[in-house]
């Protein structure tokens, strides 16, 4: 059973909706804390007013295996973002804001349509800046019979206060851990204090839902799943991130160490981003994760298949 169904029975969902919507009047939904009145149409750093903008939605089979299962993950791609990643592969959505503005009724129907399509979950992609709008729609969707678990699929720059508002609502948290270095985050994503904010958010997510749990078919039901995109020349700080997860979160954390970086959007503006991540860099990233005690690595080679430390660096 999805967590929000229990909360709704006790009357807590209505309280969360009211609190979230009222916060739009002086927005502090994300760590930017712009304090603009989005309810009146003002726009802060996320460039999103009082209504959410949806770029696309539907069953998605390219997500991690526990989310996809047999029938796909029901993704809803929200336009705009509170990060400014120079290398964003979805920049038309995240930076250019392509999509359609929707009200709570329409968004609730989108959620229900994904359930009707047989999806295993409702996967909220880039939800950080539209939490109030999501909660408004969720309340209506529950009245319409929604019961699927919710996936909070974020860039990882999330406010702990907002995450606490989501406790008992979100079943599966899937944040990015993009950087372990302030300067890299500043230069590549235009963000201040990302590592500190990100680690606090991941701690809170894990406190709420724990390690990833799957059912007897392998489909995710509840828990934390972390994504980390390996960048060329160690710019993402992989060593620090896997060490943090292994020591401070859980050695049982499900981690997707991703190899799909390629230069796009404005990547040419940054030194080091002009090439793909090499096979040697990916082998190093996997090795670092295993050395940190992590074992639940999505699509990773086994430790035995990786070269010893003395041989790393060979192409």
C-alpha atoms as a PDB file:
ATOM      1  CA  UNK A   1       0.000   0.000   0.000  1.00  0.00           C
ATOM      2  CA  UNK A   2       1.305   3.454  -0.902  1.00  0.00           C
ATOM      3  CA  UNK A   3       2.301   5.494   2.147  1.00  0.00           C
ATOM      4  CA  UNK A   4       0.001   8.419   1.350  1.00  0.00           C
ATOM      5  CA  UNK A   5      -3.119   6.252   1.683  1.00  0.00           C
ATOM      6  CA  UNK A   6      -2.493   5.798   5.391  1.00  0.00           C
ATOM      7  CA  UNK A   7      -1.770   9.507   5.813  1.00  0.00           C
ATOM      8  CA  UNK A   8      -4.962  10.419   4.014  1.00  0.00           C
ATOM      9  CA  UNK A   9      -7.043   8.176   6.275  1.00  0.00           C
ATOM     10  CA  UNK A  10      -5.763  10.045   9.302  1.00  0.00           C
ATOM     11  CA  UNK A  11      -6.437  13.464   7.764  1.00  0.00           C
ATOM     12  CA  UNK A  12      -2.758  14.320   7.477  1.00  0.00           C
ATOM     13  CA  UNK A  13      -2.679  14.642   3.700  1.00  0.00           C
ATOM     14  CA  UNK A  14      -5.046  17.638   3.721  1.00  0.00           C
ATOM     15  CA  UNK A  15      -2.839  19.371   6.290  1.00  0.00           C
ATOM     16  CA  UNK A  16       0.268  18.818   4.176  1.00  0.00           C
ATOM     17  CA  UNK A  17      -1.464  20.164   1.066  1.00  0.00           C
ATOM     18  CA  UNK A  18      -2.519  23.331   2.873  1.00  0.00           C
ATOM     19  CA  UNK A  19       0.950  23.911   4.306  1.00  0.00           C
ATOM     20  CA  UNK A  20       2.664  23.363   0.962  1.00  0.00           C
ATOM     21  CA  UNK A  21       0.326  25.594  -1.032  1.00  0.00           C
ATOM     22  CA  UNK A  22       0.590  28.421   1.503  1.00  0.00           C
ATOM     23  CA  UNK A  23       4.386  28.293   1.207  1.00  0.00           C
ATOM     24  CA  UNK A  24       4.110  29.451  -2.427  1.00  0.00           C
ATOM     25  CA  UNK A  25       3.198  32.948  -1.188  1.00  0.00           C
ATOM     26  CA  UNK A  26       6.795  33.423  -0.046  1.00  0.00           C
ATOM     27  CA  UNK A  27       8.473  30.489  -1.673  1.00  0.00           C
ATOM     28  CA  UNK A  28      10.914  28.443   0.369  1.00  0.00           C
ATOM     29  CA  UNK A  29      10.175  25.102  -1.262  1.00  0.00           C
ATOM     30  CA  UNK A  30      13.794  24.548  -2.315  1.00  0.00           C
ATOM     31  CA  UNK A  31      17.095  25.655  -0.724  1.00  0.00           C
ATOM     32  CA  UNK A  32      17.242  28.803  -2.878  1.00  0.00           C
ATOM     33  CA  UNK A  33      14.545  30.338  -0.655  1.00  0.00           C
ATOM     34  CA  UNK A  34      13.648  32.966  -3.252  1.00  0.00           C
ATOM     35  CA  UNK A  35      10.703  34.249  -1.143  1.00  0.00           C
ATOM     36  CA  UNK A  36       8.774  35.314  -4.257  1.00  0.00           C
ATOM     37  CA  UNK A  37       4.973  35.065  -4.349  1.00  0.00           C
ATOM     38  CA  UNK A  38       4.529  32.266  -6.835  1.00  0.00           C
ATOM     39  CA  UNK A  39       0.826  32.051  -5.971  1.00  0.00           C
ATOM     40  CA  UNK A  40       0.497  35.528  -7.511  1.00  0.00           C
ATOM     41  CA  UNK A  41       2.552  34.585 -10.581  1.00  0.00           C
ATOM     42  CA  UNK A  42       5.963  35.794  -9.454  1.00  0.00           C
ATOM     43  CA  UNK A  43       8.922  33.739 -10.634  1.00  0.00           C
ATOM     44  CA  UNK A  44      12.097  32.816  -8.772  1.00  0.00           C
ATOM     45  CA  UNK A  45      15.131  30.796  -9.791  1.00  0.00           C
ATOM     46  CA  UNK A  46      13.047  27.798 -10.868  1.00  0.00           C
ATOM     47  CA  UNK A  47      11.180  30.018 -13.362  1.00  0.00           C
ATOM     48  CA  UNK A  48       7.884  28.330 -12.465  1.00  0.00           C
ATOM     49  CA  UNK A  49       4.836  30.275 -11.224  1.00  0.00           C
ATOM     50  CA  UNK A  50       1.865  28.908  -9.299  1.00  0.00           C
ATOM     51  CA  UNK A  51       1.085  26.045 -11.667  1.00  0.00           C
ATOM     52  CA  UNK A  52       3.331  23.167 -12.674  1.00  0.00           C
ATOM     53  CA  UNK A  53       4.569  22.746 -16.231  1.00  0.00           C
ATOM     54  CA  UNK A  54       4.558  19.177 -17.582  1.00  0.00           C
ATOM     55  CA  UNK A  55       6.768  18.345 -20.538  1.00  0.00           C
ATOM     56  CA  UNK A  56       5.649  14.751 -21.075  1.00  0.00           C
ATOM     57  CA  UNK A  57       4.367  11.669 -19.285  1.00  0.00           C
ATOM     58  CA  UNK A  58       3.931   7.961 -19.882  1.00  0.00           C
ATOM     59  CA  UNK A  59       5.370   4.482 -19.194  1.00  0.00           C
ATOM     60  CA  UNK A  60       9.173   4.591 -19.228  1.00  0.00           C
ATOM     61  CA  UNK A  61      11.348   1.503 -19.693  1.00  0.00           C
ATOM     62  CA  UNK A  62      14.761   3.183 -19.469  1.00  0.00           C
ATOM     63  CA  UNK A  63      14.826   3.681 -15.702  1.00  0.00           C
ATOM     64  CA  UNK A  64      16.494   1.404 -13.158  1.00  0.00           C
ATOM     65  CA  UNK A  65      15.254  -2.199 -13.197  1.00  0.00           C
ATOM     66  CA  UNK A  66      13.443  -2.028  -9.817  1.00  0.00           C
ATOM     67  CA  UNK A  67      11.378   0.909 -11.092  1.00  0.00           C
ATOM     68  CA  UNK A  68      10.658  -0.467 -14.557  1.00  0.00           C
ATOM     69  CA  UNK A  69       9.599  -3.986 -13.594  1.00  0.00           C
ATOM     70  CA  UNK A  70       7.541  -5.585 -16.352  1.00  0.00           C
ATOM     71  CA  UNK A  71       5.154  -2.727 -17.121  1.00  0.00           C
ATOM     72  CA  UNK A  72       7.299   0.379 -16.896  1.00  0.00           C
ATOM     73  CA  UNK A  73       7.740   3.329 -14.575  1.00  0.00           C
ATOM     74  CA  UNK A  74       5.019   5.963 -14.901  1.00  0.00           C
ATOM     75  CA  UNK A  75       7.105   9.073 -15.458  1.00  0.00           C
ATOM     76  CA  UNK A  76       5.905  12.659 -15.314  1.00  0.00           C
ATOM     77  CA  UNK A  77       8.578  15.070 -16.569  1.00  0.00           C
ATOM     78  CA  UNK A  78       8.212  18.507 -14.994  1.00  0.00           C
ATOM     79  CA  UNK A  79       9.716  21.439 -16.870  1.00  0.00           C
ATOM     80  CA  UNK A  80      12.301  23.779 -15.339  1.00  0.00           C
ATOM     81  CA  UNK A  81      14.751  23.035 -12.558  1.00  0.00           C
ATOM     82  CA  UNK A  82      16.486  24.677  -9.609  1.00  0.00           C
ATOM     83  CA  UNK A  83      19.904  23.756 -11.045  1.00  0.00           C
ATOM     84  CA  UNK A  84      21.699  25.187 -14.090  1.00  0.00           C
ATOM     85  CA  UNK A  85      23.778  22.232 -15.256  1.00  0.00           C
ATOM     86  CA  UNK A  86      25.878  23.184 -18.278  1.00  0.00           C
ATOM     87  CA  UNK A  87      25.800  19.595 -19.535  1.00  0.00           C
ATOM     88  CA  UNK A  88      22.101  18.778 -19.025  1.00  0.00           C
ATOM     89  CA  UNK A  89      20.961  16.201 -21.563  1.00  0.00           C
ATOM     90  CA  UNK A  90      17.329  17.280 -21.071  1.00  0.00           C
ATOM     91  CA  UNK A  91      18.060  21.008 -21.305  1.00  0.00           C
ATOM     92  CA  UNK A  92      15.045  21.715 -23.527  1.00  0.00           C
ATOM     93  CA  UNK A  93      12.898  20.662 -20.582  1.00  0.00           C
ATOM     94  CA  UNK A  94      15.012  21.688 -17.587  1.00  0.00           C
ATOM     95  CA  UNK A  95      16.470  24.963 -18.885  1.00  0.00           C
ATOM     96  CA  UNK A  96      14.210  26.079 -21.737  1.00  0.00           C
ATOM     97  CA  UNK A  97      10.993  25.111 -19.966  1.00  0.00           C
ATOM     98  CA  UNK A  98       9.317  23.230 -22.792  1.00  0.00           C
ATOM     99  CA  UNK A  99       5.947  21.900 -21.708  1.00  0.00           C
ATOM    100  CA  UNK A 100       2.330  22.686 -20.922  1.00  0.00           C
ATOM    101  CA  UNK A 101       1.120  24.460 -17.795  1.00  0.00           C
ATOM    102  CA  UNK A 102      -1.365  22.248 -15.956  1.00  0.00           C
ATOM    103  CA  UNK A 103      -3.758  22.676 -13.063  1.00  0.00           C
ATOM    104  CA  UNK A 104      -4.263  20.243 -10.218  1.00  0.00           C
ATOM    105  CA  UNK A 105      -7.178  18.510 -11.919  1.00  0.00           C
ATOM    106  CA  UNK A 106      -5.195  17.800 -15.068  1.00  0.00           C
ATOM    107  CA  UNK A 107      -2.139  16.656 -13.127  1.00  0.00           C
ATOM    108  CA  UNK A 108      -4.271  14.298 -11.040  1.00  0.00           C
ATOM    109  CA  UNK A 109      -5.695  12.780 -14.218  1.00  0.00           C
ATOM    110  CA  UNK A 110      -2.170  12.267 -15.542  1.00  0.00           C
ATOM    111  CA  UNK A 111      -1.317  10.312 -12.387  1.00  0.00           C
ATOM    112  CA  UNK A 112      -4.409   8.155 -12.768  1.00  0.00           C
ATOM    113  CA  UNK A 113      -3.708   7.563 -16.459  1.00  0.00           C
ATOM    114  CA  UNK A 114      -0.321   6.068 -15.573  1.00  0.00           C
ATOM    115  CA  UNK A 115      -2.011   3.711 -13.143  1.00  0.00           C
ATOM    116  CA  UNK A 116      -4.552   2.739 -15.785  1.00  0.00           C
ATOM    117  CA  UNK A 117      -1.653   2.047 -18.183  1.00  0.00           C
ATOM    118  CA  UNK A 118      -0.373  -0.580 -15.744  1.00  0.00           C
ATOM    119  CA  UNK A 119       2.748   1.250 -14.546  1.00  0.00           C
ATOM    120  CA  UNK A 120       4.372   0.101 -11.302  1.00  0.00           C
ATOM    121  CA  UNK A 121       4.697   3.605  -9.865  1.00  0.00           C
ATOM    122  CA  UNK A 122       4.229   7.323 -10.471  1.00  0.00           C
ATOM    123  CA  UNK A 123       7.723   8.676 -11.108  1.00  0.00           C
ATOM    124  CA  UNK A 124       7.916  12.431 -10.467  1.00  0.00           C
ATOM    125  CA  UNK A 125      10.897  13.682 -12.487  1.00  0.00           C
ATOM    126  CA  UNK A 126      12.350  17.033 -11.319  1.00  0.00           C
ATOM    127  CA  UNK A 127       9.674  17.551  -8.643  1.00  0.00           C
ATOM    128  CA  UNK A 128      11.650  19.766  -6.238  1.00  0.00           C
ATOM    129  CA  UNK A 129      10.175  23.103  -7.293  1.00  0.00           C
ATOM    130  CA  UNK A 130       6.594  21.857  -7.735  1.00  0.00           C
ATOM    131  CA  UNK A 131       5.982  19.958  -4.498  1.00  0.00           C
ATOM    132  CA  UNK A 132       2.854  22.017  -3.601  1.00  0.00           C
ATOM    133  CA  UNK A 133       1.333  21.456  -7.028  1.00  0.00           C
ATOM    134  CA  UNK A 134       2.076  17.719  -6.812  1.00  0.00           C
ATOM    135  CA  UNK A 135       0.431  17.426  -3.397  1.00  0.00           C
ATOM    136  CA  UNK A 136      -2.686  19.272  -4.574  1.00  0.00           C
ATOM    137  CA  UNK A 137      -2.993  16.886  -7.524  1.00  0.00           C
ATOM    138  CA  UNK A 138      -2.220  13.846  -5.386  1.00  0.00           C
ATOM    139  CA  UNK A 139      -5.128  14.618  -3.064  1.00  0.00           C
ATOM    140  CA  UNK A 140      -7.512  14.607  -6.032  1.00  0.00           C
ATOM    141  CA  UNK A 141      -5.912  11.514  -7.562  1.00  0.00           C
ATOM    142  CA  UNK A 142      -6.343   9.565  -4.310  1.00  0.00           C
ATOM    143  CA  UNK A 143     -10.024  10.471  -4.355  1.00  0.00           C
ATOM    144  CA  UNK A 144     -10.064   9.046  -7.883  1.00  0.00           C
ATOM    145  CA  UNK A 145      -8.522   5.751  -6.765  1.00  0.00           C
ATOM    146  CA  UNK A 146      -4.761   6.245  -7.041  1.00  0.00           C
ATOM    147  CA  UNK A 147      -2.772   3.687  -5.066  1.00  0.00           C
ATOM    148  CA  UNK A 148       0.624   3.429  -6.819  1.00  0.00           C
ATOM    149  CA  UNK A 149       3.824   4.224  -4.900  1.00  0.00           C
ATOM    150  CA  UNK A 150       5.332   7.648  -5.592  1.00  0.00           C
ATOM    151  CA  UNK A 151       8.925   8.102  -6.762  1.00  0.00           C
ATOM    152  CA  UNK A 152      10.629  11.431  -5.952  1.00  0.00           C
ATOM    153  CA  UNK A 153      13.225  11.658  -8.751  1.00  0.00           C
ATOM    154  CA  UNK A 154      15.220  14.821  -8.064  1.00  0.00           C
ATOM    155  CA  UNK A 155      18.494  16.584  -8.824  1.00  0.00           C
ATOM    156  CA  UNK A 156      19.329  16.327  -5.150  1.00  0.00           C
ATOM    157  CA  UNK A 157      19.205  20.039  -4.292  1.00  0.00           C
ATOM    158  CA  UNK A 158      16.298  19.589  -1.890  1.00  0.00           C
ATOM    159  CA  UNK A 159      15.275  21.338   1.312  1.00  0.00           C
ATOM    160  CA  UNK A 160      15.151  19.131   4.407  1.00  0.00           C
ATOM    161  CA  UNK A 161      12.104  21.116   5.588  1.00  0.00           C
ATOM    162  CA  UNK A 162      10.239  20.312   2.380  1.00  0.00           C
ATOM    163  CA  UNK A 163      11.298  16.670   2.543  1.00  0.00           C
ATOM    164  CA  UNK A 164       9.857  16.455   6.054  1.00  0.00           C
ATOM    165  CA  UNK A 165       6.590  17.710   4.603  1.00  0.00           C
ATOM    166  CA  UNK A 166       6.728  14.692   2.271  1.00  0.00           C
ATOM    167  CA  UNK A 167       7.257  12.115   5.007  1.00  0.00           C
ATOM    168  CA  UNK A 168       4.548   9.491   4.789  1.00  0.00           C
ATOM    169  CA  UNK A 169       3.765  10.544   1.206  1.00  0.00           C
ATOM    170  CA  UNK A 170       6.789   9.540  -0.867  1.00  0.00           C
ATOM    171  CA  UNK A 171       7.548   5.816  -1.038  1.00  0.00           C
ATOM    172  CA  UNK A 172      10.748   5.854  -3.103  1.00  0.00           C
ATOM    173  CA  UNK A 173      13.329   8.631  -3.089  1.00  0.00           C
ATOM    174  CA  UNK A 174      15.710   8.732  -6.078  1.00  0.00           C
ATOM    175  CA  UNK A 175      18.016  11.759  -5.766  1.00  0.00           C
ATOM    176  CA  UNK A 176      21.087  12.573  -7.796  1.00  0.00           C
ATOM    177  CA  UNK A 177      24.346  13.004  -5.957  1.00  0.00           C
ATOM    178  CA  UNK A 178      26.083  15.185  -8.531  1.00  0.00           C
ATOM    179  CA  UNK A 179      29.134  16.620  -6.780  1.00  0.00           C
ATOM    180  CA  UNK A 180      31.317  16.279  -3.734  1.00  0.00           C
ATOM    181  CA  UNK A 181      33.002  19.638  -4.335  1.00  0.00           C
ATOM    182  CA  UNK A 182      31.538  23.116  -3.904  1.00  0.00           C
ATOM    183  CA  UNK A 183      33.574  24.689  -6.682  1.00  0.00           C
ATOM    184  CA  UNK A 184      32.611  22.028  -9.235  1.00  0.00           C
ATOM    185  CA  UNK A 185      28.928  22.515  -8.336  1.00  0.00           C
ATOM    186  CA  UNK A 186      29.278  26.276  -8.665  1.00  0.00           C
ATOM    187  CA  UNK A 187      31.020  26.163 -12.033  1.00  0.00           C
ATOM    188  CA  UNK A 188      29.079  23.328 -13.650  1.00  0.00           C
ATOM    189  CA  UNK A 189      25.580  23.754 -12.201  1.00  0.00           C
ATOM    190  CA  UNK A 190      25.510  27.365 -10.997  1.00  0.00           C
ATOM    191  CA  UNK A 191      24.702  26.296  -7.458  1.00  0.00           C
ATOM    192  CA  UNK A 192      26.085  27.252  -4.048  1.00  0.00           C
ATOM    193  CA  UNK A 193      26.635  24.712  -1.284  1.00  0.00           C
ATOM    194  CA  UNK A 194      25.403  21.718  -3.254  1.00  0.00           C
ATOM    195  CA  UNK A 195      27.400  18.987  -1.438  1.00  0.00           C
ATOM    196  CA  UNK A 196      26.258  20.099   2.024  1.00  0.00           C
ATOM    197  CA  UNK A 197      22.613  20.511   0.987  1.00  0.00           C
ATOM    198  CA  UNK A 198      22.642  17.284  -1.012  1.00  0.00           C
ATOM    199  CA  UNK A 199      24.074  15.137   1.773  1.00  0.00           C
ATOM    200  CA  UNK A 200      21.603  16.535   4.295  1.00  0.00           C
ATOM    201  CA  UNK A 201      18.763  15.743   1.884  1.00  0.00           C
ATOM    202  CA  UNK A 202      19.958  12.173   1.305  1.00  0.00           C
ATOM    203  CA  UNK A 203      20.247  11.622   5.062  1.00  0.00           C
ATOM    204  CA  UNK A 204      16.653  12.783   5.515  1.00  0.00           C
ATOM    205  CA  UNK A 205      15.382  10.655   2.635  1.00  0.00           C
ATOM    206  CA  UNK A 206      17.027   7.563   4.066  1.00  0.00           C
ATOM    207  CA  UNK A 207      15.694   8.334   7.540  1.00  0.00           C
ATOM    208  CA  UNK A 208      12.175   8.328   6.124  1.00  0.00           C
ATOM    209  CA  UNK A 209      12.224   5.275   3.876  1.00  0.00           C
ATOM    210  CA  UNK A 210      15.403   3.277   4.588  1.00  0.00           C
ATOM    211  CA  UNK A 211      17.164   0.998   2.107  1.00  0.00           C
ATOM    212  CA  UNK A 212      15.417   0.045  -1.123  1.00  0.00           C
ATOM    213  CA  UNK A 213      12.898  -2.762  -0.703  1.00  0.00           C
ATOM    214  CA  UNK A 214      11.558  -4.807  -3.630  1.00  0.00           C
ATOM    215  CA  UNK A 215       8.693  -7.271  -3.891  1.00  0.00           C
ATOM    216  CA  UNK A 216       8.958 -10.880  -5.039  1.00  0.00           C
ATOM    217  CA  UNK A 217       8.973  -9.741  -8.688  1.00  0.00           C
ATOM    218  CA  UNK A 218      11.883  -7.360  -8.125  1.00  0.00           C
ATOM    219  CA  UNK A 219       9.741  -4.216  -8.345  1.00  0.00           C
ATOM    220  CA  UNK A 220      10.617  -1.410  -5.929  1.00  0.00           C
ATOM    221  CA  UNK A 221       8.101  -0.774  -3.156  1.00  0.00           C
ATOM    222  CA  UNK A 222       9.873   1.595  -0.775  1.00  0.00           C
ATOM    223  CA  UNK A 223      13.305   3.003  -0.014  1.00  0.00           C
ATOM    224  CA  UNK A 224      16.240   5.049  -1.279  1.00  0.00           C
ATOM    225  CA  UNK A 225      17.867   4.718  -4.692  1.00  0.00           C
ATOM    226  CA  UNK A 226      20.793   7.055  -5.486  1.00  0.00           C
ATOM    227  CA  UNK A 227      22.048   8.139  -8.902  1.00  0.00           C
ATOM    228  CA  UNK A 228      25.558   9.397  -9.547  1.00  0.00           C
ATOM    229  CA  UNK A 229      26.730  10.498 -12.995  1.00  0.00           C
ATOM    230  CA  UNK A 230      30.475  10.017 -13.459  1.00  0.00           C
ATOM    231  CA  UNK A 231      32.053  13.049 -15.139  1.00  0.00           C
ATOM    232  CA  UNK A 232      35.415  13.201 -16.934  1.00  0.00           C
ATOM    233  CA  UNK A 233      38.562  13.975 -14.943  1.00  0.00           C
ATOM    234  CA  UNK A 234      36.916  13.187 -11.617  1.00  0.00           C
ATOM    235  CA  UNK A 235      34.839  16.391 -11.680  1.00  0.00           C
ATOM    236  CA  UNK A 236      31.893  14.746  -9.908  1.00  0.00           C
ATOM    237  CA  UNK A 237      33.960  13.669  -6.899  1.00  0.00           C
ATOM    238  CA  UNK A 238      32.911  10.021  -7.058  1.00  0.00           C
ATOM    239  CA  UNK A 239      35.269   8.896  -4.293  1.00  0.00           C
ATOM    240  CA  UNK A 240      33.761  11.266  -1.738  1.00  0.00           C
ATOM    241  CA  UNK A 241      30.193  10.422  -2.685  1.00  0.00           C
ATOM    242  CA  UNK A 242      30.508   6.634  -2.447  1.00  0.00           C
ATOM    243  CA  UNK A 243      32.458   7.002   0.797  1.00  0.00           C
ATOM    244  CA  UNK A 244      29.626   9.126   2.236  1.00  0.00           C
ATOM    245  CA  UNK A 245      27.007   6.588   1.187  1.00  0.00           C
ATOM    246  CA  UNK A 246      28.915   3.628   2.559  1.00  0.00           C
ATOM    247  CA  UNK A 247      29.839   5.257   5.882  1.00  0.00           C
ATOM    248  CA  UNK A 248      26.952   7.611   6.680  1.00  0.00           C
ATOM    249  CA  UNK A 249      23.927   6.183   4.896  1.00  0.00           C
ATOM    250  CA  UNK A 250      24.105   2.397   4.435  1.00  0.00           C
ATOM    251  CA  UNK A 251      26.336  -0.165   2.785  1.00  0.00           C
ATOM    252  CA  UNK A 252      23.060  -1.574   1.445  1.00  0.00           C
ATOM    253  CA  UNK A 253      22.227   1.617  -0.490  1.00  0.00           C
ATOM    254  CA  UNK A 254      21.084   0.910  -4.049  1.00  0.00           C
ATOM    255  CA  UNK A 255      23.306   3.059  -6.280  1.00  0.00           C
ATOM    256  CA  UNK A 256      23.270   3.634 -10.027  1.00  0.00           C
ATOM    257  CA  UNK A 257      26.724   4.799 -11.074  1.00  0.00           C
ATOM    258  CA  UNK A 258      25.942   6.165 -14.504  1.00  0.00           C
ATOM    259  CA  UNK A 259      28.204   6.147 -17.544  1.00  0.00           C
ATOM    260  CA  UNK A 260      26.058   8.091 -19.995  1.00  0.00           C
ATOM    261  CA  UNK A 261      27.741  11.491 -19.798  1.00  0.00           C
ATOM    262  CA  UNK A 262      28.357  13.086 -23.171  1.00  0.00           C
ATOM    263  CA  UNK A 263      29.053  16.736 -24.102  1.00  0.00           C
ATOM    264  CA  UNK A 264      25.851  18.594 -24.851  1.00  0.00           C
ATOM    265  CA  UNK A 265      24.044  21.880 -24.219  1.00  0.00           C
ATOM    266  CA  UNK A 266      26.730  24.291 -22.917  1.00  0.00           C
ATOM    267  CA  UNK A 267      29.339  21.733 -21.869  1.00  0.00           C
ATOM    268  CA  UNK A 268      31.936  23.352 -24.124  1.00  0.00           C
ATOM    269  CA  UNK A 269      32.023  26.315 -21.726  1.00  0.00           C
ATOM    270  CA  UNK A 270      33.642  24.210 -19.004  1.00  0.00           C
ATOM    271  CA  UNK A 271      37.135  22.780 -19.013  1.00  0.00           C
ATOM    272  CA  UNK A 272      37.148  18.984 -18.871  1.00  0.00           C
ATOM    273  CA  UNK A 273      33.612  18.395 -20.130  1.00  0.00           C
ATOM    274  CA  UNK A 274      34.481  18.166 -23.827  1.00  0.00           C
ATOM    275  CA  UNK A 275      34.658  14.371 -23.964  1.00  0.00           C
ATOM    276  CA  UNK A 276      32.778  11.300 -22.822  1.00  0.00           C
ATOM    277  CA  UNK A 277      33.715   9.505 -19.638  1.00  0.00           C
ATOM    278  CA  UNK A 278      36.289   6.796 -20.440  1.00  0.00           C
ATOM    279  CA  UNK A 279      35.999   3.088 -19.724  1.00  0.00           C
ATOM    280  CA  UNK A 280      38.930   3.420 -17.326  1.00  0.00           C
ATOM    281  CA  UNK A 281      37.134   6.173 -15.389  1.00  0.00           C
ATOM    282  CA  UNK A 282      34.045   4.003 -15.096  1.00  0.00           C
ATOM    283  CA  UNK A 283      36.063   1.020 -13.871  1.00  0.00           C
ATOM    284  CA  UNK A 284      37.631   3.300 -11.278  1.00  0.00           C
ATOM    285  CA  UNK A 285      34.203   4.555 -10.166  1.00  0.00           C
ATOM    286  CA  UNK A 286      32.857   1.022  -9.705  1.00  0.00           C
ATOM    287  CA  UNK A 287      36.003  -0.010  -7.833  1.00  0.00           C
ATOM    288  CA  UNK A 288      35.706   2.979  -5.502  1.00  0.00           C
ATOM    289  CA  UNK A 289      32.092   2.063  -4.769  1.00  0.00           C
ATOM    290  CA  UNK A 290      32.959  -1.530  -3.897  1.00  0.00           C
ATOM    291  CA  UNK A 291      35.865  -0.353  -1.736  1.00  0.00           C
ATOM    292  CA  UNK A 292      33.434   1.921   0.120  1.00  0.00           C
ATOM    293  CA  UNK A 293      31.437  -1.184   1.033  1.00  0.00           C
ATOM    294  CA  UNK A 294      28.602  -0.650  -1.441  1.00  0.00           C
ATOM    295  CA  UNK A 295      27.346  -3.802  -3.137  1.00  0.00           C
ATOM    296  CA  UNK A 296      23.948  -2.943  -4.653  1.00  0.00           C
ATOM    297  CA  UNK A 297      25.233  -1.283  -7.829  1.00  0.00           C
ATOM    298  CA  UNK A 298      22.870  -1.059 -10.788  1.00  0.00           C
ATOM    299  CA  UNK A 299      24.280  -2.813 -13.889  1.00  0.00           C
ATOM    300  CA  UNK A 300      27.824  -2.751 -12.477  1.00  0.00           C
ATOM    301  CA  UNK A 301      30.419  -5.421 -13.240  1.00  0.00           C
ATOM    302  CA  UNK A 302      31.248  -7.772 -10.396  1.00  0.00           C
ATOM    303  CA  UNK A 303      34.259  -6.857  -8.248  1.00  0.00           C
ATOM    304  CA  UNK A 304      36.137  -9.834  -9.697  1.00  0.00           C
ATOM    305  CA  UNK A 305      35.723  -8.406 -13.206  1.00  0.00           C
ATOM    306  CA  UNK A 306      37.505  -5.171 -12.306  1.00  0.00           C
ATOM    307  CA  UNK A 307      41.286  -4.797 -12.591  1.00  0.00           C
ATOM    308  CA  UNK A 308      43.391  -4.418  -9.445  1.00  0.00           C
ATOM    309  CA  UNK A 309      44.378  -0.915  -8.407  1.00  0.00           C
ATOM    310  CA  UNK A 310      47.829  -1.193  -9.994  1.00  0.00           C
ATOM    311  CA  UNK A 311      46.275  -1.758 -13.416  1.00  0.00           C
ATOM    312  CA  UNK A 312      43.716   1.070 -13.343  1.00  0.00           C
ATOM    313  CA  UNK A 313      44.012   3.772 -15.941  1.00  0.00           C
ATOM    314  CA  UNK A 314      44.572   1.449 -18.892  1.00  0.00           C
ATOM    315  CA  UNK A 315      42.034   1.968 -21.649  1.00  0.00           C
END
